[in-house]
Amino acid sequence: MKSFNKKSIIRIANSSLIKASGIYSLTSLINSAIPFLLLPILTHYLNPEEYGIISMFGLLQSIVGVFSGLSIYGAIQREYFDLSSNEYKEYVGNCIIILFLSTACITIIIYLFSGFIEKISSINRNLFWIIVLISFYQFVISSLTAIYRAKMEAVKYSIFLISLTVINVGLSILLVAEIKLGYLGRIYAQLIAYIIIGTLALIILLKNYSIIKINYEYIKKALAFGIPLIPHALGGFFITMTGRFIVNHELGLEQTGLYTLGTQLGSIIGILADSFNKAYSPWLYEKLNKNDSGIKVKIVKFTYVYFILITIVSITLGLISSCLINIIASKQYHDAYSVVIWIALGNAFNGMYFMVTNYIFYVYKTNLLAIITIMTGIINLFLTFFMVKYMKLAGAALSFMIVNAISFIFTWYL
């Protein structure tokens, strides 16, 4: 380990990686800090039950988002390294075609099953169209920012996401605190923000990065990348979100609101891990293309150091969580602290997962990830239900940590 000193770390993390990672981290910190500053306002004007409704709305949005565009925006980043400029534009154009078709199918399915969805989610069916529209624009924004990440244009990436967050939060304050629309104010703020930024992103995609010309080979290639990721994404979703569904079902919307606040604090670790991975993954693909065994060894050693650091940071966050909740939320939310350390550690394991799963994306073996996530998703469902029965809120969070650890270990082995 002596050979892996500071100079080794500096050599592997060259200036482009450090610069991009720093900008991504700053963007993530801003995007996370502003909503956290919003928490005192939301927890003042909304009771835990209303906060629970917002949480369940977010869960439905996450599910629909998996099927909007069929998870192919990852392919948009990956193909940037393999296609010529015109070929790449045509490829992106076909991904946009897939987005429109998949959104039409989703709309029909939600309409047909609206009664059932309303019953299990406690969300009024009149809000479902907002979920579909936000999910559509999320894919558009993700596609454009994926191109910016591939091109290492971190500043453009940051401008888009920070603008989205500022509009979202600003409108939330206006509609919730001033106009007093309650939880609907938060939902409408998200809708307006995504329409504004998403429309701009779509214009930029169509004008600069796409050629709308049907190419069945590109469609097949994009679907071959994205469709195996749907069960993978759903598995990841169930690992992350099953706790909220079960807490809502077993303990009610008020406890769901407390659990949501705790998970938001614990998700700070996930935000940091995700921001680093956004810079790390395109850098890693570039280095793997060189097939240099010396670089590969240094990457692996760097990965082990990362594992240690993210674990230390997550434990620290858990230990200070009670003080943080007292600062940002009212007294009725204090019990949320019991879940933070487990959520933080679960996100730490997810950050470790990012570090090892990039290799699987690199070799297009996404179908193998689907097997792991389906398996761990099933484990999570039963484990969370059992642990909530006996440990209430803390049980849901502990289950989240255990399942993320299992997912990381299996993916690392793979």
Protein backbone atom coordinates (compact mmCIF):
# COMPACT_ATOMS: atom_id res chain seq x y z
CA MET A 1 0.00 0.00 0.00
CA LYS A 2 3.04 2.25 0.44
CA SER A 3 3.43 2.45 -3.32
CA PHE A 4 -0.04 3.92 -3.48
CA ASN A 5 0.87 7.32 -2.08
CA LYS A 6 -0.39 10.81 -2.75
CA LYS A 7 1.52 11.01 -6.02
CA SER A 8 -0.21 7.85 -7.27
CA ILE A 9 -3.61 9.33 -6.48
CA ILE A 10 -2.71 12.56 -8.24
CA ARG A 11 -1.49 10.72 -11.33
CA ILE A 12 -4.66 8.65 -11.64
CA ALA A 13 -6.94 11.58 -10.91
CA ASN A 14 -5.59 13.84 -13.62
CA SER A 15 -6.59 17.46 -13.95
CA SER A 16 -9.62 16.84 -16.18
CA LEU A 17 -11.09 14.37 -13.73
CA ILE A 18 -10.43 16.59 -10.71
CA LYS A 19 -11.85 19.67 -12.43
CA ALA A 20 -14.99 17.92 -13.68
CA SER A 21 -15.53 16.06 -10.43
CA GLY A 22 -15.15 19.28 -8.48
CA ILE A 23 -17.76 21.05 -10.62
CA TYR A 24 -20.13 18.09 -10.42
CA SER A 25 -19.66 17.94 -6.64
CA LEU A 26 -20.27 21.68 -6.31
CA THR A 27 -23.39 21.37 -8.48
CA SER A 28 -24.68 18.48 -6.37
CA LEU A 29 -23.96 20.37 -3.16
CA ILE A 30 -25.85 23.41 -4.43
CA ASN A 31 -28.73 21.28 -5.70
CA SER A 32 -28.91 19.50 -2.35
CA ALA A 33 -28.25 22.53 -0.15
CA ILE A 34 -31.09 24.62 -1.63
CA PRO A 35 -33.78 21.96 -1.02
CA PHE A 36 -32.40 21.46 2.49
CA LEU A 37 -32.75 25.19 3.09
CA LEU A 38 -36.31 24.74 1.86
CA LEU A 39 -37.02 22.04 4.47
CA PRO A 40 -37.73 24.46 7.35
CA ILE A 41 -40.31 26.19 5.17
CA LEU A 42 -42.00 22.97 4.04
CA THR A 43 -42.00 21.47 7.54
CA HIS A 44 -43.52 24.74 8.86
CA TYR A 45 -46.30 25.05 6.31
CA LEU A 46 -46.92 21.33 5.73
CA ASN A 47 -47.70 18.73 8.37
CA PRO A 48 -46.06 15.26 8.21
CA GLU A 49 -49.10 13.83 6.38
CA GLU A 50 -48.87 16.42 3.59
CA TYR A 51 -45.12 15.84 3.46
CA GLY A 52 -45.93 12.15 3.06
CA ILE A 53 -48.15 12.93 0.07
CA ILE A 54 -45.27 14.78 -1.58
CA SER A 55 -43.06 11.76 -0.88
CA MET A 56 -45.52 9.32 -2.50
CA PHE A 57 -45.87 11.63 -5.49
CA GLY A 58 -42.09 11.50 -5.87
CA LEU A 59 -42.17 7.71 -5.71
CA LEU A 60 -44.69 7.42 -8.53
CA GLN A 61 -42.66 9.89 -10.53
CA SER A 62 -39.56 7.72 -10.05
CA ILE A 63 -41.39 4.61 -11.27
CA VAL A 64 -42.77 6.32 -14.38
CA GLY A 65 -39.34 7.83 -15.00
CA VAL A 66 -37.86 4.35 -15.40
CA PHE A 67 -40.12 3.72 -18.40
CA SER A 68 -39.89 7.17 -19.98
CA GLY A 69 -37.39 6.63 -22.76
CA LEU A 70 -36.79 3.06 -21.52
CA SER A 71 -33.61 3.97 -19.60
CA ILE A 72 -31.59 4.62 -22.76
CA TYR A 73 -30.03 7.98 -21.80
CA GLY A 74 -27.09 5.96 -20.42
CA ALA A 75 -26.55 4.67 -23.95
CA ILE A 76 -26.39 8.26 -25.20
CA GLN A 77 -23.34 8.86 -23.02
CA ARG A 78 -21.74 5.49 -23.83
CA GLU A 79 -22.10 5.78 -27.63
CA TYR A 80 -20.42 9.18 -27.70
CA PHE A 81 -17.07 7.39 -27.51
CA ASP A 82 -17.76 5.00 -30.41
CA LEU A 83 -19.61 6.91 -33.16
CA SER A 84 -18.67 9.70 -35.54
CA SER A 85 -20.35 13.10 -35.16
CA ASN A 86 -23.13 12.56 -37.72
CA GLU A 87 -23.69 8.96 -36.65
CA TYR A 88 -23.98 10.09 -33.05
CA LYS A 89 -26.55 12.77 -33.91
CA GLU A 90 -28.63 10.19 -35.76
CA TYR A 91 -28.34 7.86 -32.77
CA VAL A 92 -29.56 10.58 -30.38
CA GLY A 93 -32.41 11.37 -32.77
CA ASN A 94 -33.60 7.77 -32.63
CA CYS A 95 -33.41 7.86 -28.83
CA ILE A 96 -35.75 10.89 -28.89
CA ILE A 97 -38.16 8.92 -31.11
CA ILE A 98 -38.12 6.12 -28.52
CA LEU A 99 -38.90 8.68 -25.80
CA PHE A 100 -42.04 9.96 -27.55
CA LEU A 101 -43.32 6.44 -28.27
CA SER A 102 -42.68 5.17 -24.76
CA THR A 103 -44.36 8.23 -23.22
CA ALA A 104 -47.48 7.58 -25.31
CA CYS A 105 -47.58 3.97 -24.10
CA ILE A 106 -47.09 5.03 -20.47
CA THR A 107 -49.95 7.52 -20.71
CA ILE A 108 -52.34 4.82 -21.94
CA ILE A 109 -51.30 2.35 -19.23
CA ILE A 110 -51.67 4.91 -16.42
CA TYR A 111 -55.13 5.86 -17.70
CA LEU A 112 -56.26 2.22 -17.74
CA PHE A 113 -54.98 1.48 -14.22
CA SER A 114 -55.54 4.89 -12.62
CA GLY A 115 -57.94 3.54 -9.97
CA PHE A 116 -55.52 0.90 -8.74
CA ILE A 117 -52.57 3.32 -8.75
CA GLU A 118 -54.59 5.88 -6.78
CA LYS A 119 -55.51 3.28 -4.16
CA ILE A 120 -51.99 2.02 -3.43
CA SER A 121 -50.29 5.44 -3.57
CA SER A 122 -52.84 7.70 -1.84
CA ILE A 123 -52.27 10.18 -4.71
CA ASN A 124 -55.26 11.73 -6.49
CA ARG A 125 -55.48 10.46 -10.07
CA ASN A 126 -55.94 14.03 -11.32
CA LEU A 127 -52.21 14.54 -10.64
CA PHE A 128 -51.06 11.61 -12.80
CA TRP A 129 -50.70 13.70 -15.95
CA ILE A 130 -48.19 15.89 -14.09
CA ILE A 131 -46.12 12.80 -13.28
CA VAL A 132 -46.01 11.76 -16.95
CA LEU A 133 -45.02 15.24 -18.13
CA ILE A 134 -42.29 15.65 -15.51
CA SER A 135 -40.90 12.20 -16.36
CA PHE A 136 -40.80 13.09 -20.05
CA TYR A 137 -38.81 16.25 -19.40
CA GLN A 138 -36.56 14.46 -16.91
CA PHE A 139 -35.44 12.15 -19.70
CA VAL A 140 -34.82 15.09 -22.04
CA ILE A 141 -32.70 16.86 -19.42
CA SER A 142 -30.86 13.64 -18.55
CA SER A 143 -30.07 13.05 -22.22
CA LEU A 144 -28.61 16.50 -22.74
CA THR A 145 -26.60 16.42 -19.51
CA ALA A 146 -25.34 12.92 -20.43
CA ILE A 147 -23.88 14.46 -23.60
CA TYR A 148 -22.30 17.24 -21.53
CA ARG A 149 -20.76 14.63 -19.19
CA ALA A 150 -19.38 12.63 -22.11
CA LYS A 151 -17.84 15.80 -23.55
CA MET A 152 -16.56 16.75 -20.07
CA GLU A 153 -18.47 20.04 -20.34
CA ALA A 154 -19.17 20.21 -16.64
CA VAL A 155 -20.00 23.94 -16.60
CA LYS A 156 -22.88 23.56 -19.07
CA TYR A 157 -24.07 20.53 -17.11
CA SER A 158 -24.05 22.56 -13.90
CA ILE A 159 -25.85 25.58 -15.38
CA PHE A 160 -28.77 23.41 -16.48
CA LEU A 161 -29.24 21.56 -13.22
CA ILE A 162 -28.71 24.55 -10.96
CA SER A 163 -31.19 26.58 -13.02
CA LEU A 164 -33.73 23.76 -12.66
CA THR A 165 -33.23 23.66 -8.89
CA VAL A 166 -33.41 27.44 -8.40
CA ILE A 167 -36.67 27.72 -10.35
CA ASN A 168 -38.10 24.67 -8.58
CA VAL A 169 -37.25 25.93 -5.10
CA GLY A 170 -38.18 29.55 -5.80
CA LEU A 171 -41.62 28.58 -7.06
CA SER A 172 -42.07 26.17 -4.14
CA ILE A 173 -41.51 28.99 -1.64
CA LEU A 174 -43.91 31.23 -3.55
CA LEU A 175 -46.69 28.68 -3.96
CA VAL A 176 -46.40 27.00 -0.54
CA ALA A 177 -45.43 29.85 1.80
CA GLU A 178 -46.96 32.90 0.09
CA ILE A 179 -49.93 31.66 -1.93
CA LYS A 180 -50.45 28.78 0.54
CA LEU A 181 -51.41 26.03 -1.92
CA GLY A 182 -50.17 23.35 0.48
CA TYR A 183 -48.61 20.21 -0.98
CA LEU A 184 -50.06 21.12 -4.38
CA GLY A 185 -47.82 24.18 -4.43
CA ARG A 186 -44.75 21.93 -4.24
CA ILE A 187 -46.05 19.70 -7.03
CA TYR A 188 -46.96 22.62 -9.32
CA ALA A 189 -43.53 24.17 -8.72
CA GLN A 190 -41.84 21.00 -9.97
CA LEU A 191 -44.07 20.90 -13.04
CA ILE A 192 -43.37 24.50 -14.07
CA ALA A 193 -39.62 24.16 -13.47
CA TYR A 194 -39.35 21.00 -15.59
CA ILE A 195 -41.44 22.50 -18.40
CA ILE A 196 -39.19 25.58 -18.59
CA ILE A 197 -35.79 23.84 -18.38
CA GLY A 198 -36.95 20.69 -20.18
CA THR A 199 -38.27 22.62 -23.17
CA LEU A 200 -34.97 24.49 -23.45
CA ALA A 201 -33.06 21.19 -23.25
CA LEU A 202 -35.26 19.65 -25.96
CA ILE A 203 -34.63 22.61 -28.27
CA ILE A 204 -30.85 22.29 -27.76
CA LEU A 205 -30.98 18.52 -28.35
CA LEU A 206 -32.98 18.86 -31.56
CA LYS A 207 -30.91 21.75 -32.89
CA ASN A 208 -27.34 20.71 -31.98
CA TYR A 209 -27.16 17.03 -31.10
CA SER A 210 -29.72 15.07 -33.09
CA ILE A 211 -30.87 14.14 -36.56
CA ILE A 212 -34.45 12.83 -36.61
CA LYS A 213 -34.15 9.99 -39.09
CA ILE A 214 -35.44 6.53 -38.27
CA ASN A 215 -32.63 3.99 -38.13
CA TYR A 216 -33.81 0.60 -36.92
CA GLU A 217 -30.28 -0.56 -36.16
CA TYR A 218 -29.75 2.36 -33.80
CA ILE A 219 -33.17 1.79 -32.22
CA LYS A 220 -32.31 -1.89 -31.67
CA LYS A 221 -28.92 -1.00 -30.23
CA ALA A 222 -30.37 1.61 -27.87
CA LEU A 223 -33.12 -0.75 -26.72
CA ALA A 224 -30.60 -3.56 -26.25
CA PHE A 225 -28.75 -1.26 -23.86
CA GLY A 226 -31.80 0.26 -22.14
CA ILE A 227 -34.38 -2.51 -21.81
CA PRO A 228 -32.17 -4.78 -19.64
CA LEU A 229 -31.68 -1.72 -17.41
CA ILE A 230 -35.43 -1.43 -16.75
CA PRO A 231 -35.53 -4.35 -14.28
CA HIS A 232 -32.16 -3.11 -13.04
CA ALA A 233 -33.56 0.39 -12.50
CA LEU A 234 -36.76 -0.97 -10.97
CA GLY A 235 -34.73 -3.18 -8.68
CA GLY A 236 -32.69 -0.16 -7.65
CA PHE A 237 -35.91 1.79 -7.20
CA PHE A 238 -37.44 -0.88 -4.98
CA ILE A 239 -34.27 -1.02 -2.90
CA THR A 240 -34.45 2.76 -2.44
CA MET A 241 -38.19 3.32 -2.23
CA THR A 242 -39.82 0.14 -0.89
CA GLY A 243 -39.34 1.47 2.61
CA ARG A 244 -41.61 4.44 1.93
CA PHE A 245 -44.36 2.31 0.41
CA ILE A 246 -44.31 -0.13 3.32
CA VAL A 247 -44.05 2.61 5.95
CA ASN A 248 -47.02 4.33 4.29
CA HIS A 249 -49.01 1.09 4.27
CA GLU A 250 -48.10 -0.07 7.78
CA LEU A 251 -47.59 3.18 9.70
CA GLY A 252 -49.45 5.87 7.71
CA LEU A 253 -48.65 9.08 5.85
CA GLU A 254 -47.41 10.91 8.97
CA GLN A 255 -44.66 8.36 9.60
CA THR A 256 -43.91 8.39 5.87
CA GLY A 257 -43.23 12.10 6.18
CA LEU A 258 -40.77 11.48 9.04
CA TYR A 259 -39.08 8.66 7.13
CA THR A 260 -38.78 10.87 4.05
CA LEU A 261 -37.02 13.61 6.00
CA GLY A 262 -34.55 11.06 7.43
CA THR A 263 -33.85 9.60 4.00
CA GLN A 264 -33.25 13.06 2.57
CA LEU A 265 -30.55 13.72 5.13
CA GLY A 266 -28.99 10.29 4.59
CA SER A 267 -29.09 10.85 0.85
CA ILE A 268 -26.37 13.50 1.18
CA ILE A 269 -23.91 10.60 0.86
CA GLY A 270 -25.68 9.39 -2.27
CA ILE A 271 -25.55 12.86 -3.80
CA LEU A 272 -21.80 13.12 -3.23
CA ALA A 273 -21.21 9.60 -4.62
CA ASP A 274 -23.36 10.26 -7.68
CA SER A 275 -21.65 13.58 -8.42
CA PHE A 276 -18.23 11.96 -8.33
CA ASN A 277 -19.41 9.09 -10.54
CA LYS A 278 -20.70 11.52 -13.16
CA ALA A 279 -17.14 12.71 -13.70
CA TYR A 280 -15.47 9.38 -13.00
CA SER A 281 -17.39 7.14 -15.44
CA PRO A 282 -16.50 8.93 -18.73
CA TRP A 283 -12.91 9.34 -17.47
CA LEU A 284 -12.82 5.61 -16.67
CA TYR A 285 -14.15 4.63 -20.13
CA GLU A 286 -11.43 6.71 -21.73
CA LYS A 287 -8.72 5.04 -19.63
CA LEU A 288 -10.07 1.53 -20.23
CA ASN A 289 -9.95 2.14 -23.98
CA LYS A 290 -6.16 2.53 -23.63
CA ASN A 291 -5.88 -0.99 -22.13
CA ASP A 292 -2.93 -0.01 -19.93
CA SER A 293 -2.41 -2.55 -17.13
CA GLY A 294 -0.49 -0.05 -15.00
CA ILE A 295 -3.40 2.41 -15.03
CA LYS A 296 -5.84 -0.39 -14.23
CA VAL A 297 -3.93 -1.37 -11.09
CA LYS A 298 -3.88 2.24 -9.87
CA ILE A 299 -7.62 2.56 -10.54
CA VAL A 300 -8.32 -0.47 -8.37
CA LYS A 301 -6.17 0.86 -5.50
CA PHE A 302 -7.86 4.24 -5.79
CA THR A 303 -11.20 2.43 -5.54
CA TYR A 304 -10.26 0.85 -2.18
CA VAL A 305 -9.32 4.26 -0.76
CA TYR A 306 -12.69 5.57 -1.95
CA PHE A 307 -14.49 2.74 -0.11
CA ILE A 308 -12.84 3.72 3.17
CA LEU A 309 -13.47 7.45 2.82
CA ILE A 310 -17.15 7.18 1.93
CA THR A 311 -17.76 4.87 4.91
CA ILE A 312 -16.15 7.34 7.33
CA VAL A 313 -18.16 10.27 5.97
CA SER A 314 -21.47 8.37 6.16
CA ILE A 315 -20.91 7.34 9.81
CA THR A 316 -20.06 10.94 10.70
CA LEU A 317 -23.28 12.17 9.10
CA GLY A 318 -25.29 9.63 11.08
CA LEU A 319 -23.74 10.73 14.37
CA ILE A 320 -24.60 14.41 13.87
CA SER A 321 -28.06 13.83 12.33
CA SER A 322 -30.03 14.59 15.49
CA CYS A 323 -28.49 18.06 15.70
CA LEU A 324 -29.13 18.68 12.01
CA ILE A 325 -32.82 17.79 12.30
CA ASN A 326 -33.22 20.12 15.29
CA ILE A 327 -31.81 22.94 13.14
CA ILE A 328 -33.73 22.41 9.88
CA ALA A 329 -37.12 21.04 11.01
CA SER A 330 -39.80 21.57 13.64
CA LYS A 331 -40.10 19.38 16.75
CA GLN A 332 -42.73 17.12 15.22
CA TYR A 333 -40.07 15.79 12.81
CA HIS A 334 -37.43 14.97 15.47
CA ASP A 335 -37.92 11.17 15.41
CA ALA A 336 -36.62 11.13 11.83
CA TYR A 337 -33.04 11.01 13.19
CA SER A 338 -33.33 7.26 13.91
CA VAL A 339 -33.11 6.39 10.21
CA VAL A 340 -30.32 8.70 9.05
CA ILE A 341 -27.24 6.62 9.90
CA TRP A 342 -28.63 3.49 8.19
CA ILE A 343 -29.71 5.44 5.11
CA ALA A 344 -26.29 7.12 4.96
CA LEU A 345 -24.49 3.76 5.17
CA GLY A 346 -26.86 2.33 2.56
CA ASN A 347 -25.95 5.18 0.23
CA ALA A 348 -22.27 4.57 0.99
CA PHE A 349 -22.66 0.99 -0.23
CA ASN A 350 -24.47 2.36 -3.29
CA GLY A 351 -21.51 4.66 -3.92
CA MET A 352 -19.20 1.64 -3.76
CA TYR A 353 -21.57 -0.09 -6.20
CA PHE A 354 -21.09 2.79 -8.68
CA MET A 355 -17.34 2.23 -8.59
CA VAL A 356 -17.61 -1.43 -9.66
CA THR A 357 -20.64 -1.34 -11.93
CA ASN A 358 -19.04 1.02 -14.45
CA TYR A 359 -17.01 -1.89 -15.83
CA ILE A 360 -20.23 -3.81 -16.55
CA PHE A 361 -21.65 -0.83 -18.45
CA TYR A 362 -18.39 -0.56 -20.35
CA VAL A 363 -18.68 -4.10 -21.75
CA TYR A 364 -22.47 -3.78 -22.39
CA LYS A 365 -23.36 -6.61 -19.97
CA THR A 366 -26.33 -4.74 -18.50
CA ASN A 367 -28.48 -7.89 -18.57
CA LEU A 368 -26.29 -9.31 -15.79
CA LEU A 369 -27.02 -6.32 -13.58
CA ALA A 370 -30.74 -6.95 -14.02
CA ILE A 371 -30.38 -10.40 -12.43
CA ILE A 372 -28.67 -8.93 -9.36
CA THR A 373 -31.11 -6.06 -8.90
CA ILE A 374 -34.21 -8.24 -9.34
CA MET A 375 -32.85 -10.65 -6.73
CA THR A 376 -31.95 -7.93 -4.24
CA GLY A 377 -35.24 -6.12 -4.92
CA ILE A 378 -37.18 -9.23 -3.92
CA ILE A 379 -35.03 -9.66 -0.80
CA ASN A 380 -35.65 -6.02 0.07
CA LEU A 381 -39.42 -6.34 -0.23
CA PHE A 382 -39.71 -9.16 2.31
CA LEU A 383 -36.93 -7.91 4.58
CA THR A 384 -38.37 -4.38 4.79
CA PHE A 385 -41.88 -5.63 5.52
CA PHE A 386 -40.56 -7.89 8.32
CA MET A 387 -38.31 -5.23 9.86
CA VAL A 388 -40.93 -2.45 9.77
CA LYS A 389 -43.26 -4.77 11.69
CA TYR A 390 -40.75 -5.12 14.52
CA MET A 391 -38.55 -1.99 14.34
CA LYS A 392 -40.89 0.63 12.81
CA LEU A 393 -39.05 3.46 10.94
CA ALA A 394 -35.55 2.28 11.86
CA GLY A 395 -36.36 -1.17 10.45
CA ALA A 396 -37.06 0.25 6.98
CA ALA A 397 -33.76 2.15 7.01
CA LEU A 398 -31.74 -0.83 8.28
CA SER A 399 -33.23 -3.00 5.55
CA PHE A 400 -32.18 -0.39 2.98
CA MET A 401 -28.59 -0.56 4.21
CA ILE A 402 -28.45 -4.38 4.25
CA VAL A 403 -29.84 -4.75 0.73
CA ASN A 404 -27.51 -2.11 -0.70
CA ALA A 405 -24.59 -3.97 0.88
CA ILE A 406 -25.76 -7.23 -0.73
CA SER A 407 -26.17 -5.53 -4.12
CA PHE A 408 -22.67 -4.03 -3.91
CA ILE A 409 -21.04 -7.33 -2.91
CA PHE A 410 -22.68 -9.33 -5.73
CA THR A 411 -21.87 -6.65 -8.31
CA TRP A 412 -18.27 -6.42 -7.08
CA TYR A 413 -17.94 -10.19 -7.47
CA LEU A 414 -19.45 -10.03 -10.97
